[in-house]
């Protein structure tokens, strides 16, 4: 149970002087009577009125406590968990340009990258993971989140054509760095996956790598594509046709980015190799993050307020009826 306004609980401190005043007045109100001996008084039974003398005050104190708790708005939830777990902040920057449709992977580079990335995400339930897409431009598909079910759904919805074609590697990496630069995690990682040379955007890949280095972000770069000629589908007036292209790109900028940021460069030539790369990245160092989860909150103040008013009513009835004092 938590309190929406816990600061109101400080009102309970007022009970300290109230209890002190009650005890002080109790001693001042004691009547004195001189008698020769009090031996016989010890055997005199106490009446019920005498036994209940302090009950009204006790009931009033309890009523005040319950009413103050009600004012602080106690709340309960049907699920609550607070713990420290292992995890890091990760942004996956994925190339979705037209060349990612090449079919040297099963069924193609883009679908294979999505499938293996989903396996990686589901294997790391305690990490904050986000998704950045790039082609001719770049945008954030999902900010950092621990809700991996939503992230996987967004991954599955990725299609070629969401962004104008091209390969803006520098823009994709800079966007990922922007998502991580304000993170308080001790370990911040970008996994950059592409299959082409940078040919779009205003930021060079190495310049974006220098930004990542400045913010302490480690970049793992993955070059996707087999060696030699590969088939790539293209749309023509006659329908879908295949064209053979040379599967080659400049790996030097990717190697340089990984080296300057403390990461590592990988070359994936098929589905199995890509999967093994993600498994290797999975062994990265981890740092502690705090996870707090809860579902729906329920207000619990009514039962405390009702109990407080009932006790207050009982106290008034006892004080003015059964324990009524006659001046």
C-alpha atoms as a PDB file:
ATOM      1  CA  UNK A   1       0.000   0.000   0.000  1.00  0.00           C
ATOM      2  CA  UNK A   2       1.231   3.494  -0.845  1.00  0.00           C
ATOM      3  CA  UNK A   3      -0.015   7.022  -0.079  1.00  0.00           C
ATOM      4  CA  UNK A   4      -0.887   9.634  -2.703  1.00  0.00           C
ATOM      5  CA  UNK A   5      -0.237  12.463  -0.195  1.00  0.00           C
ATOM      6  CA  UNK A   6       2.198  11.006   2.364  1.00  0.00           C
ATOM      7  CA  UNK A   7       3.110  14.482   3.631  1.00  0.00           C
ATOM      8  CA  UNK A   8      -0.245  14.652   5.475  1.00  0.00           C
ATOM      9  CA  UNK A   9       0.939  11.851   7.781  1.00  0.00           C
ATOM     10  CA  UNK A  10       3.070  14.448   9.589  1.00  0.00           C
ATOM     11  CA  UNK A  11      -0.226  15.621  11.119  1.00  0.00           C
ATOM     12  CA  UNK A  12       0.004  12.584  13.420  1.00  0.00           C
ATOM     13  CA  UNK A  13       2.772  14.405  15.311  1.00  0.00           C
ATOM     14  CA  UNK A  14       0.105  16.627  16.866  1.00  0.00           C
ATOM     15  CA  UNK A  15      -0.990  13.632  18.954  1.00  0.00           C
ATOM     16  CA  UNK A  16       2.215  13.843  21.014  1.00  0.00           C
ATOM     17  CA  UNK A  17       1.338  17.128  22.785  1.00  0.00           C
ATOM     18  CA  UNK A  18      -2.321  16.060  23.005  1.00  0.00           C
ATOM     19  CA  UNK A  19      -1.416  12.843  24.869  1.00  0.00           C
ATOM     20  CA  UNK A  20       1.011  14.798  27.075  1.00  0.00           C
ATOM     21  CA  UNK A  21      -1.716  17.344  27.907  1.00  0.00           C
ATOM     22  CA  UNK A  22      -4.217  14.574  28.717  1.00  0.00           C
ATOM     23  CA  UNK A  23      -1.845  12.853  31.159  1.00  0.00           C
ATOM     24  CA  UNK A  24      -0.938  16.157  32.799  1.00  0.00           C
ATOM     25  CA  UNK A  25      -4.592  17.148  33.255  1.00  0.00           C
ATOM     26  CA  UNK A  26      -5.354  13.672  34.607  1.00  0.00           C
ATOM     27  CA  UNK A  27      -2.901  14.081  37.458  1.00  0.00           C
ATOM     28  CA  UNK A  28      -4.127  17.626  38.206  1.00  0.00           C
ATOM     29  CA  UNK A  29      -7.729  16.444  38.438  1.00  0.00           C
ATOM     30  CA  UNK A  30      -7.062  13.729  41.021  1.00  0.00           C
ATOM     31  CA  UNK A  31      -9.022  14.418  44.238  1.00  0.00           C
ATOM     32  CA  UNK A  32      -7.254  13.777  47.546  1.00  0.00           C
ATOM     33  CA  UNK A  33      -8.967  12.287  50.638  1.00  0.00           C
ATOM     34  CA  UNK A  34      -7.280  11.764  54.001  1.00  0.00           C
ATOM     35  CA  UNK A  35      -8.068   8.462  55.685  1.00  0.00           C
ATOM     36  CA  UNK A  36      -6.479   6.555  58.544  1.00  0.00           C
ATOM     37  CA  UNK A  37      -5.666   3.459  56.484  1.00  0.00           C
ATOM     38  CA  UNK A  38      -6.077   2.239  52.903  1.00  0.00           C
ATOM     39  CA  UNK A  39      -5.700  -1.496  53.545  1.00  0.00           C
ATOM     40  CA  UNK A  40      -9.370  -2.226  53.036  1.00  0.00           C
ATOM     41  CA  UNK A  41      -9.514  -0.183  49.809  1.00  0.00           C
ATOM     42  CA  UNK A  42      -7.308  -2.676  47.923  1.00  0.00           C
ATOM     43  CA  UNK A  43     -10.010  -5.320  48.137  1.00  0.00           C
ATOM     44  CA  UNK A  44     -12.691  -3.002  46.814  1.00  0.00           C
ATOM     45  CA  UNK A  45     -13.533  -4.019  43.220  1.00  0.00           C
ATOM     46  CA  UNK A  46     -13.257  -1.375  40.505  1.00  0.00           C
ATOM     47  CA  UNK A  47     -16.482  -0.452  38.801  1.00  0.00           C
ATOM     48  CA  UNK A  48     -16.910  -0.756  35.043  1.00  0.00           C
ATOM     49  CA  UNK A  49     -17.177   3.024  34.751  1.00  0.00           C
ATOM     50  CA  UNK A  50     -13.782   3.349  36.411  1.00  0.00           C
ATOM     51  CA  UNK A  51     -12.255   0.699  34.120  1.00  0.00           C
ATOM     52  CA  UNK A  52     -13.541   2.528  31.042  1.00  0.00           C
ATOM     53  CA  UNK A  53     -12.471   5.964  32.256  1.00  0.00           C
ATOM     54  CA  UNK A  54      -9.789   6.401  29.576  1.00  0.00           C
ATOM     55  CA  UNK A  55     -11.664   4.661  26.749  1.00  0.00           C
ATOM     56  CA  UNK A  56     -13.099   7.874  25.197  1.00  0.00           C
ATOM     57  CA  UNK A  57      -9.636   9.410  24.903  1.00  0.00           C
ATOM     58  CA  UNK A  58      -8.199   6.233  23.353  1.00  0.00           C
ATOM     59  CA  UNK A  59     -11.066   6.103  20.854  1.00  0.00           C
ATOM     60  CA  UNK A  60     -10.554   9.748  19.936  1.00  0.00           C
ATOM     61  CA  UNK A  61      -6.813   9.220  19.351  1.00  0.00           C
ATOM     62  CA  UNK A  62      -7.522   6.186  17.150  1.00  0.00           C
ATOM     63  CA  UNK A  63     -10.175   8.144  15.248  1.00  0.00           C
ATOM     64  CA  UNK A  64      -7.733  10.986  14.559  1.00  0.00           C
ATOM     65  CA  UNK A  65      -5.091   8.487  13.346  1.00  0.00           C
ATOM     66  CA  UNK A  66      -7.541   6.832  10.960  1.00  0.00           C
ATOM     67  CA  UNK A  67      -8.838  10.157   9.603  1.00  0.00           C
ATOM     68  CA  UNK A  68      -5.302  11.449   8.987  1.00  0.00           C
ATOM     69  CA  UNK A  69      -4.465   8.220   7.151  1.00  0.00           C
ATOM     70  CA  UNK A  70      -7.606   8.651   5.045  1.00  0.00           C
ATOM     71  CA  UNK A  71      -6.611  12.231   4.160  1.00  0.00           C
ATOM     72  CA  UNK A  72      -3.204  10.911   3.001  1.00  0.00           C
ATOM     73  CA  UNK A  73      -5.135   8.771   0.443  1.00  0.00           C
ATOM     74  CA  UNK A  74      -3.852   5.220   0.893  1.00  0.00           C
ATOM     75  CA  UNK A  75      -3.793   3.282  -2.379  1.00  0.00           C
ATOM     76  CA  UNK A  76      -3.352  -0.401  -3.171  1.00  0.00           C
ATOM     77  CA  UNK A  77      -2.517  -2.081  -6.464  1.00  0.00           C
ATOM     78  CA  UNK A  78      -3.255  -5.556  -7.729  1.00  0.00           C
ATOM     79  CA  UNK A  79       0.408  -6.037  -8.685  1.00  0.00           C
ATOM     80  CA  UNK A  80       3.535  -4.388  -7.294  1.00  0.00           C
ATOM     81  CA  UNK A  81       7.225  -5.179  -7.614  1.00  0.00           C
ATOM     82  CA  UNK A  82      10.310  -3.148  -6.807  1.00  0.00           C
ATOM     83  CA  UNK A  83      13.720  -4.684  -7.319  1.00  0.00           C
ATOM     84  CA  UNK A  84      17.184  -4.130  -8.711  1.00  0.00           C
ATOM     85  CA  UNK A  85      17.912  -6.187 -11.819  1.00  0.00           C
ATOM     86  CA  UNK A  86      20.735  -6.437 -14.303  1.00  0.00           C
ATOM     87  CA  UNK A  87      20.420  -4.527 -17.573  1.00  0.00           C
ATOM     88  CA  UNK A  88      21.754  -1.896 -19.960  1.00  0.00           C
ATOM     89  CA  UNK A  89      20.297   0.724 -22.303  1.00  0.00           C
ATOM     90  CA  UNK A  90      20.392  -0.418 -25.935  1.00  0.00           C
ATOM     91  CA  UNK A  91      19.305   1.235 -29.174  1.00  0.00           C
ATOM     92  CA  UNK A  92      19.087  -0.940 -32.289  1.00  0.00           C
ATOM     93  CA  UNK A  93      19.675   1.163 -35.424  1.00  0.00           C
ATOM     94  CA  UNK A  94      18.367  -0.798 -38.415  1.00  0.00           C
ATOM     95  CA  UNK A  95      18.919  -0.102 -42.114  1.00  0.00           C
ATOM     96  CA  UNK A  96      15.671  -0.542 -44.106  1.00  0.00           C
ATOM     97  CA  UNK A  97      16.931   0.608 -47.505  1.00  0.00           C
ATOM     98  CA  UNK A  98      16.079  -1.208 -50.731  1.00  0.00           C
ATOM     99  CA  UNK A  99      19.266  -3.284 -50.741  1.00  0.00           C
ATOM    100  CA  UNK A 100      18.062  -4.941 -47.504  1.00  0.00           C
ATOM    101  CA  UNK A 101      15.610  -6.875 -49.699  1.00  0.00           C
ATOM    102  CA  UNK A 102      18.485  -8.909 -51.193  1.00  0.00           C
ATOM    103  CA  UNK A 103      17.771 -12.601 -50.848  1.00  0.00           C
ATOM    104  CA  UNK A 104      21.177 -13.952 -49.817  1.00  0.00           C
ATOM    105  CA  UNK A 105      19.524 -14.304 -46.363  1.00  0.00           C
ATOM    106  CA  UNK A 106      16.323 -16.289 -45.734  1.00  0.00           C
ATOM    107  CA  UNK A 107      13.882 -14.868 -46.814  1.00  0.00           C
ATOM    108  CA  UNK A 108      15.834 -11.614 -47.240  1.00  0.00           C
ATOM    109  CA  UNK A 109      18.222  -9.428 -45.266  1.00  0.00           C
ATOM    110  CA  UNK A 110      15.511  -7.237 -43.720  1.00  0.00           C
ATOM    111  CA  UNK A 111      13.271 -10.071 -42.529  1.00  0.00           C
ATOM    112  CA  UNK A 112      16.254 -12.032 -41.210  1.00  0.00           C
ATOM    113  CA  UNK A 113      17.472  -8.947 -39.311  1.00  0.00           C
ATOM    114  CA  UNK A 114      14.012  -8.426 -37.796  1.00  0.00           C
ATOM    115  CA  UNK A 115      13.709 -12.069 -36.738  1.00  0.00           C
ATOM    116  CA  UNK A 116      17.140 -12.304 -35.100  1.00  0.00           C
ATOM    117  CA  UNK A 117      16.709  -8.903 -33.399  1.00  0.00           C
ATOM    118  CA  UNK A 118      13.386 -10.078 -31.923  1.00  0.00           C
ATOM    119  CA  UNK A 119      15.122 -13.151 -30.473  1.00  0.00           C
ATOM    120  CA  UNK A 120      17.776 -10.866 -28.979  1.00  0.00           C
ATOM    121  CA  UNK A 121      15.157  -8.548 -27.439  1.00  0.00           C
ATOM    122  CA  UNK A 122      13.172 -11.400 -25.862  1.00  0.00           C
ATOM    123  CA  UNK A 123      16.371 -12.879 -24.398  1.00  0.00           C
ATOM    124  CA  UNK A 124      17.074  -9.665 -22.440  1.00  0.00           C
ATOM    125  CA  UNK A 125      13.870  -8.929 -20.466  1.00  0.00           C
ATOM    126  CA  UNK A 126      15.576  -6.539 -18.015  1.00  0.00           C
ATOM    127  CA  UNK A 127      17.102  -4.161 -20.569  1.00  0.00           C
ATOM    128  CA  UNK A 128      15.832  -0.818 -21.773  1.00  0.00           C
ATOM    129  CA  UNK A 129      15.788  -1.263 -25.553  1.00  0.00           C
ATOM    130  CA  UNK A 130      14.754   1.149 -28.309  1.00  0.00           C
ATOM    131  CA  UNK A 131      14.600   1.128 -32.109  1.00  0.00           C
ATOM    132  CA  UNK A 132      15.836   3.625 -34.699  1.00  0.00           C
ATOM    133  CA  UNK A 133      15.220   3.099 -38.440  1.00  0.00           C
ATOM    134  CA  UNK A 134      17.141   4.693 -41.289  1.00  0.00           C
ATOM    135  CA  UNK A 135      17.279   4.665 -45.061  1.00  0.00           C
ATOM    136  CA  UNK A 136      17.443   8.009 -46.911  1.00  0.00           C
ATOM    137  CA  UNK A 137      16.460   9.621 -43.589  1.00  0.00           C
ATOM    138  CA  UNK A 138      16.164   8.427 -40.014  1.00  0.00           C
ATOM    139  CA  UNK A 139      13.474   8.380 -37.331  1.00  0.00           C
ATOM    140  CA  UNK A 140      12.835   6.760 -33.954  1.00  0.00           C
ATOM    141  CA  UNK A 141      10.396   3.874 -34.215  1.00  0.00           C
ATOM    142  CA  UNK A 142      10.432   3.180 -30.441  1.00  0.00           C
ATOM    143  CA  UNK A 143      12.185   5.043 -27.576  1.00  0.00           C
ATOM    144  CA  UNK A 144      13.878   3.148 -24.764  1.00  0.00           C
ATOM    145  CA  UNK A 145      11.408   0.817 -23.081  1.00  0.00           C
ATOM    146  CA  UNK A 146      11.191  -2.315 -20.937  1.00  0.00           C
ATOM    147  CA  UNK A 147       7.850  -3.190 -22.558  1.00  0.00           C
ATOM    148  CA  UNK A 148       9.384  -5.611 -25.018  1.00  0.00           C
ATOM    149  CA  UNK A 149       6.037  -6.923 -26.266  1.00  0.00           C
ATOM    150  CA  UNK A 150       5.320  -3.492 -27.760  1.00  0.00           C
ATOM    151  CA  UNK A 151       8.867  -3.268 -29.154  1.00  0.00           C
ATOM    152  CA  UNK A 152       8.566  -6.672 -30.871  1.00  0.00           C
ATOM    153  CA  UNK A 153       5.244  -5.641 -32.425  1.00  0.00           C
ATOM    154  CA  UNK A 154       6.881  -2.500 -33.801  1.00  0.00           C
ATOM    155  CA  UNK A 155       9.732  -4.598 -35.185  1.00  0.00           C
ATOM    156  CA  UNK A 156       7.259  -6.877 -36.942  1.00  0.00           C
ATOM    157  CA  UNK A 157       5.560  -3.873 -38.559  1.00  0.00           C
ATOM    158  CA  UNK A 158       8.776  -2.673 -40.265  1.00  0.00           C
ATOM    159  CA  UNK A 159       8.568  -2.670 -44.062  1.00  0.00           C
ATOM    160  CA  UNK A 160      10.650  -1.382 -46.936  1.00  0.00           C
ATOM    161  CA  UNK A 161       9.306   1.959 -48.133  1.00  0.00           C
ATOM    162  CA  UNK A 162       8.547   3.458 -44.719  1.00  0.00           C
ATOM    163  CA  UNK A 163      11.273   6.027 -45.486  1.00  0.00           C
ATOM    164  CA  UNK A 164      12.567   7.315 -48.810  1.00  0.00           C
ATOM    165  CA  UNK A 165      15.312   5.092 -50.162  1.00  0.00           C
ATOM    166  CA  UNK A 166      19.011   5.621 -49.573  1.00  0.00           C
ATOM    167  CA  UNK A 167      21.512   4.805 -46.837  1.00  0.00           C
ATOM    168  CA  UNK A 168      22.067   7.567 -44.256  1.00  0.00           C
ATOM    169  CA  UNK A 169      24.243   5.636 -41.814  1.00  0.00           C
ATOM    170  CA  UNK A 170      25.490   8.812 -40.096  1.00  0.00           C
ATOM    171  CA  UNK A 171      21.948  10.076 -39.535  1.00  0.00           C
ATOM    172  CA  UNK A 172      20.823   6.709 -38.155  1.00  0.00           C
ATOM    173  CA  UNK A 173      23.710   6.551 -35.693  1.00  0.00           C
ATOM    174  CA  UNK A 174      23.322  10.213 -34.666  1.00  0.00           C
ATOM    175  CA  UNK A 175      19.623   9.624 -33.987  1.00  0.00           C
ATOM    176  CA  UNK A 176      20.480   6.601 -31.824  1.00  0.00           C
ATOM    177  CA  UNK A 177      23.098   8.633 -29.916  1.00  0.00           C
ATOM    178  CA  UNK A 178      20.526  11.365 -29.302  1.00  0.00           C
ATOM    179  CA  UNK A 179      18.211   8.777 -27.711  1.00  0.00           C
ATOM    180  CA  UNK A 180      20.958   7.557 -25.361  1.00  0.00           C
ATOM    181  CA  UNK A 181      22.891  10.703 -24.478  1.00  0.00           C
ATOM    182  CA  UNK A 182      20.641  11.627 -21.525  1.00  0.00           C
ATOM    183  CA  UNK A 183      20.427   8.070 -20.185  1.00  0.00           C
ATOM    184  CA  UNK A 184      21.634   7.601 -16.600  1.00  0.00           C
ATOM    185  CA  UNK A 185      22.694   3.999 -17.248  1.00  0.00           C
ATOM    186  CA  UNK A 186      26.395   3.299 -16.773  1.00  0.00           C
ATOM    187  CA  UNK A 187      26.424   1.153 -19.906  1.00  0.00           C
ATOM    188  CA  UNK A 188      24.914   2.559 -23.130  1.00  0.00           C
ATOM    189  CA  UNK A 189      25.059   0.600 -26.382  1.00  0.00           C
ATOM    190  CA  UNK A 190      24.079   1.067 -30.034  1.00  0.00           C
ATOM    191  CA  UNK A 191      23.773  -1.933 -32.337  1.00  0.00           C
ATOM    192  CA  UNK A 192      24.053  -0.530 -35.871  1.00  0.00           C
ATOM    193  CA  UNK A 193      23.092  -2.877 -38.707  1.00  0.00           C
ATOM    194  CA  UNK A 194      23.519  -1.897 -42.357  1.00  0.00           C
ATOM    195  CA  UNK A 195      24.394  -3.398 -45.732  1.00  0.00           C
ATOM    196  CA  UNK A 196      25.524  -0.400 -47.728  1.00  0.00           C
ATOM    197  CA  UNK A 197      27.690   2.670 -48.071  1.00  0.00           C
ATOM    198  CA  UNK A 198      26.630   6.018 -46.650  1.00  0.00           C
ATOM    199  CA  UNK A 199      25.116   8.028 -49.532  1.00  0.00           C
ATOM    200  CA  UNK A 200      22.541  10.286 -47.865  1.00  0.00           C
ATOM    201  CA  UNK A 201      22.248  12.616 -44.880  1.00  0.00           C
ATOM    202  CA  UNK A 202      24.167  15.596 -43.531  1.00  0.00           C
ATOM    203  CA  UNK A 203      26.239  13.665 -40.970  1.00  0.00           C
ATOM    204  CA  UNK A 204      29.154  11.417 -41.910  1.00  0.00           C
ATOM    205  CA  UNK A 205      29.231   7.999 -40.183  1.00  0.00           C
ATOM    206  CA  UNK A 206      32.589   8.663 -38.502  1.00  0.00           C
ATOM    207  CA  UNK A 207      31.379  12.067 -37.238  1.00  0.00           C
ATOM    208  CA  UNK A 208      28.375  10.317 -35.668  1.00  0.00           C
ATOM    209  CA  UNK A 209      30.805   7.821 -34.156  1.00  0.00           C
ATOM    210  CA  UNK A 210      32.719  10.702 -32.570  1.00  0.00           C
ATOM    211  CA  UNK A 211      29.435  11.890 -31.009  1.00  0.00           C
ATOM    212  CA  UNK A 212      28.880   8.422 -29.561  1.00  0.00           C
ATOM    213  CA  UNK A 213      32.425   8.425 -28.194  1.00  0.00           C
ATOM    214  CA  UNK A 214      31.877  11.830 -26.558  1.00  0.00           C
ATOM    215  CA  UNK A 215      28.776  10.564 -24.714  1.00  0.00           C
ATOM    216  CA  UNK A 216      30.385   7.285 -23.639  1.00  0.00           C
ATOM    217  CA  UNK A 217      28.200   5.164 -25.931  1.00  0.00           C
ATOM    218  CA  UNK A 218      29.620   1.876 -27.191  1.00  0.00           C
ATOM    219  CA  UNK A 219      28.713   1.042 -30.810  1.00  0.00           C
ATOM    220  CA  UNK A 220      28.580  -2.477 -32.216  1.00  0.00           C
ATOM    221  CA  UNK A 221      28.435  -2.337 -36.013  1.00  0.00           C
ATOM    222  CA  UNK A 222      27.150  -5.197 -38.161  1.00  0.00           C
ATOM    223  CA  UNK A 223      27.733  -5.315 -41.882  1.00  0.00           C
ATOM    224  CA  UNK A 224      25.084  -7.518 -43.524  1.00  0.00           C
ATOM    225  CA  UNK A 225      25.598  -9.326 -46.831  1.00  0.00           C
ATOM    226  CA  UNK A 226      27.315 -12.286 -48.390  1.00  0.00           C
ATOM    227  CA  UNK A 227      30.172 -11.976 -50.860  1.00  0.00           C
ATOM    228  CA  UNK A 228      29.642 -11.981 -54.630  1.00  0.00           C
ATOM    229  CA  UNK A 229      26.491 -11.494 -56.694  1.00  0.00           C
ATOM    230  CA  UNK A 230      23.068 -11.506 -54.991  1.00  0.00           C
ATOM    231  CA  UNK A 231      19.490 -11.323 -56.246  1.00  0.00           C
ATOM    232  CA  UNK A 232      17.401  -8.288 -55.303  1.00  0.00           C
ATOM    233  CA  UNK A 233      13.740  -7.807 -56.281  1.00  0.00           C
ATOM    234  CA  UNK A 234      12.684  -4.661 -58.136  1.00  0.00           C
ATOM    235  CA  UNK A 235       9.270  -3.463 -59.234  1.00  0.00           C
ATOM    236  CA  UNK A 236       8.833  -2.984 -62.990  1.00  0.00           C
ATOM    237  CA  UNK A 237       5.797  -2.288 -65.214  1.00  0.00           C
ATOM    238  CA  UNK A 238       5.792  -6.039 -65.884  1.00  0.00           C
ATOM    239  CA  UNK A 239       5.658  -6.859 -62.189  1.00  0.00           C
ATOM    240  CA  UNK A 240       8.297  -8.021 -59.756  1.00  0.00           C
ATOM    241  CA  UNK A 241      11.612  -8.824 -61.394  1.00  0.00           C
ATOM    242  CA  UNK A 242      15.024  -9.797 -60.028  1.00  0.00           C
ATOM    243  CA  UNK A 243      18.279  -8.031 -60.625  1.00  0.00           C
ATOM    244  CA  UNK A 244      21.744  -9.218 -59.713  1.00  0.00           C
ATOM    245  CA  UNK A 245      23.980  -6.783 -57.875  1.00  0.00           C
ATOM    246  CA  UNK A 246      27.454  -6.993 -56.386  1.00  0.00           C
ATOM    247  CA  UNK A 247      27.271  -7.500 -52.605  1.00  0.00           C
ATOM    248  CA  UNK A 248      30.044  -5.178 -51.531  1.00  0.00           C
ATOM    249  CA  UNK A 249      30.350  -2.079 -49.363  1.00  0.00           C
ATOM    250  CA  UNK A 250      33.018  -0.074 -47.559  1.00  0.00           C
ATOM    251  CA  UNK A 251      33.560  -1.744 -44.178  1.00  0.00           C
ATOM    252  CA  UNK A 252      36.251   0.704 -43.029  1.00  0.00           C
ATOM    253  CA  UNK A 253      33.889   3.368 -41.547  1.00  0.00           C
ATOM    254  CA  UNK A 254      31.997   0.677 -39.603  1.00  0.00           C
ATOM    255  CA  UNK A 255      35.267  -0.724 -38.254  1.00  0.00           C
ATOM    256  CA  UNK A 256      36.449   2.777 -37.312  1.00  0.00           C
ATOM    257  CA  UNK A 257      33.196   3.613 -35.501  1.00  0.00           C
ATOM    258  CA  UNK A 258      33.325   0.381 -33.485  1.00  0.00           C
ATOM    259  CA  UNK A 259      37.003   0.874 -32.636  1.00  0.00           C
ATOM    260  CA  UNK A 260      36.729   4.479 -31.439  1.00  0.00           C
ATOM    261  CA  UNK A 261      33.703   3.744 -29.200  1.00  0.00           C
ATOM    262  CA  UNK A 262      35.014   0.536 -27.636  1.00  0.00           C
ATOM    263  CA  UNK A 263      32.658  -1.707 -29.574  1.00  0.00           C
ATOM    264  CA  UNK A 264      33.315  -4.304 -32.250  1.00  0.00           C
ATOM    265  CA  UNK A 265      32.648  -4.737 -35.951  1.00  0.00           C
ATOM    266  CA  UNK A 266      31.002  -7.906 -37.304  1.00  0.00           C
ATOM    267  CA  UNK A 267      30.295  -9.163 -40.819  1.00  0.00           C
ATOM    268  CA  UNK A 268      27.177 -11.318 -41.164  1.00  0.00           C
ATOM    269  CA  UNK A 269      27.030 -13.398 -44.346  1.00  0.00           C
ATOM    270  CA  UNK A 270      23.988 -15.564 -43.524  1.00  0.00           C
ATOM    271  CA  UNK A 271      21.232 -16.086 -40.948  1.00  0.00           C
ATOM    272  CA  UNK A 272      23.310 -18.317 -38.687  1.00  0.00           C
ATOM    273  CA  UNK A 273      26.232 -15.896 -38.623  1.00  0.00           C
ATOM    274  CA  UNK A 274      23.907 -12.998 -37.817  1.00  0.00           C
ATOM    275  CA  UNK A 275      22.359 -14.996 -34.962  1.00  0.00           C
ATOM    276  CA  UNK A 276      25.807 -15.836 -33.534  1.00  0.00           C
ATOM    277  CA  UNK A 277      26.759 -12.135 -33.666  1.00  0.00           C
ATOM    278  CA  UNK A 278      23.761 -11.173 -31.547  1.00  0.00           C
ATOM    279  CA  UNK A 279      24.603 -14.002 -29.142  1.00  0.00           C
ATOM    280  CA  UNK A 280      28.109 -12.580 -28.776  1.00  0.00           C
ATOM    281  CA  UNK A 281      26.732  -9.091 -28.130  1.00  0.00           C
ATOM    282  CA  UNK A 282      24.422 -10.692 -25.548  1.00  0.00           C
ATOM    283  CA  UNK A 283      27.507 -11.390 -23.440  1.00  0.00           C
ATOM    284  CA  UNK A 284      28.231  -7.672 -23.009  1.00  0.00           C
ATOM    285  CA  UNK A 285      28.765  -6.261 -19.529  1.00  0.00           C
ATOM    286  CA  UNK A 286      25.646  -5.461 -17.576  1.00  0.00           C
ATOM    287  CA  UNK A 287      24.884  -2.740 -15.051  1.00  0.00           C
ATOM    288  CA  UNK A 288      22.201  -2.493 -12.377  1.00  0.00           C
ATOM    289  CA  UNK A 289      18.926  -0.704 -13.084  1.00  0.00           C
ATOM    290  CA  UNK A 290      15.873  -0.337 -10.881  1.00  0.00           C
ATOM    291  CA  UNK A 291      12.621  -1.877 -12.049  1.00  0.00           C
ATOM    292  CA  UNK A 292       9.304  -0.824 -10.520  1.00  0.00           C
ATOM    293  CA  UNK A 293       6.114  -2.295 -11.863  1.00  0.00           C
ATOM    294  CA  UNK A 294       2.478  -2.031 -10.843  1.00  0.00           C
ATOM    295  CA  UNK A 295      -0.831  -2.456 -12.563  1.00  0.00           C
ATOM    296  CA  UNK A 296      -4.046  -0.777 -11.380  1.00  0.00           C
ATOM    297  CA  UNK A 297      -4.323   1.314  -8.210  1.00  0.00           C
ATOM    298  CA  UNK A 298      -7.344   1.243  -5.923  1.00  0.00           C
ATOM    299  CA  UNK A 299      -8.296   3.996  -3.478  1.00  0.00           C
ATOM    300  CA  UNK A 300      -8.465   2.683   0.110  1.00  0.00           C
ATOM    301  CA  UNK A 301      -9.167   5.921   1.995  1.00  0.00           C
ATOM    302  CA  UNK A 302     -12.916   5.276   2.396  1.00  0.00           C
ATOM    303  CA  UNK A 303     -12.548   2.365   4.846  1.00  0.00           C
ATOM    304  CA  UNK A 304     -10.121   4.385   7.012  1.00  0.00           C
ATOM    305  CA  UNK A 305     -12.389   7.446   6.999  1.00  0.00           C
ATOM    306  CA  UNK A 306     -15.447   5.332   7.829  1.00  0.00           C
ATOM    307  CA  UNK A 307     -13.649   3.556  10.687  1.00  0.00           C
ATOM    308  CA  UNK A 308     -12.421   6.901  12.037  1.00  0.00           C
ATOM    309  CA  UNK A 309     -15.887   8.471  12.046  1.00  0.00           C
ATOM    310  CA  UNK A 310     -17.414   5.354  13.640  1.00  0.00           C
ATOM    311  CA  UNK A 311     -14.848   5.462  16.461  1.00  0.00           C
ATOM    312  CA  UNK A 312     -15.474   9.181  16.907  1.00  0.00           C
ATOM    313  CA  UNK A 313     -19.229   8.574  17.144  1.00  0.00           C
ATOM    314  CA  UNK A 314     -18.743   5.778  19.682  1.00  0.00           C
ATOM    315  CA  UNK A 315     -16.456   8.031  21.728  1.00  0.00           C
ATOM    316  CA  UNK A 316     -19.071  10.815  21.802  1.00  0.00           C
ATOM    317  CA  UNK A 317     -21.837   8.392  22.836  1.00  0.00           C
ATOM    318  CA  UNK A 318     -19.763   6.818  25.637  1.00  0.00           C
ATOM    319  CA  UNK A 319     -18.512  10.173  26.928  1.00  0.00           C
ATOM    320  CA  UNK A 320     -21.969  11.787  26.991  1.00  0.00           C
ATOM    321  CA  UNK A 321     -24.008   8.777  28.075  1.00  0.00           C
ATOM    322  CA  UNK A 322     -22.365   5.966  30.011  1.00  0.00           C
ATOM    323  CA  UNK A 323     -19.403   8.022  31.316  1.00  0.00           C
ATOM    324  CA  UNK A 324     -21.209  11.319  31.591  1.00  0.00           C
ATOM    325  CA  UNK A 325     -19.774  13.536  34.342  1.00  0.00           C
ATOM    326  CA  UNK A 326     -22.055  15.521  36.604  1.00  0.00           C
ATOM    327  CA  UNK A 327     -20.527  18.867  37.610  1.00  0.00           C
END
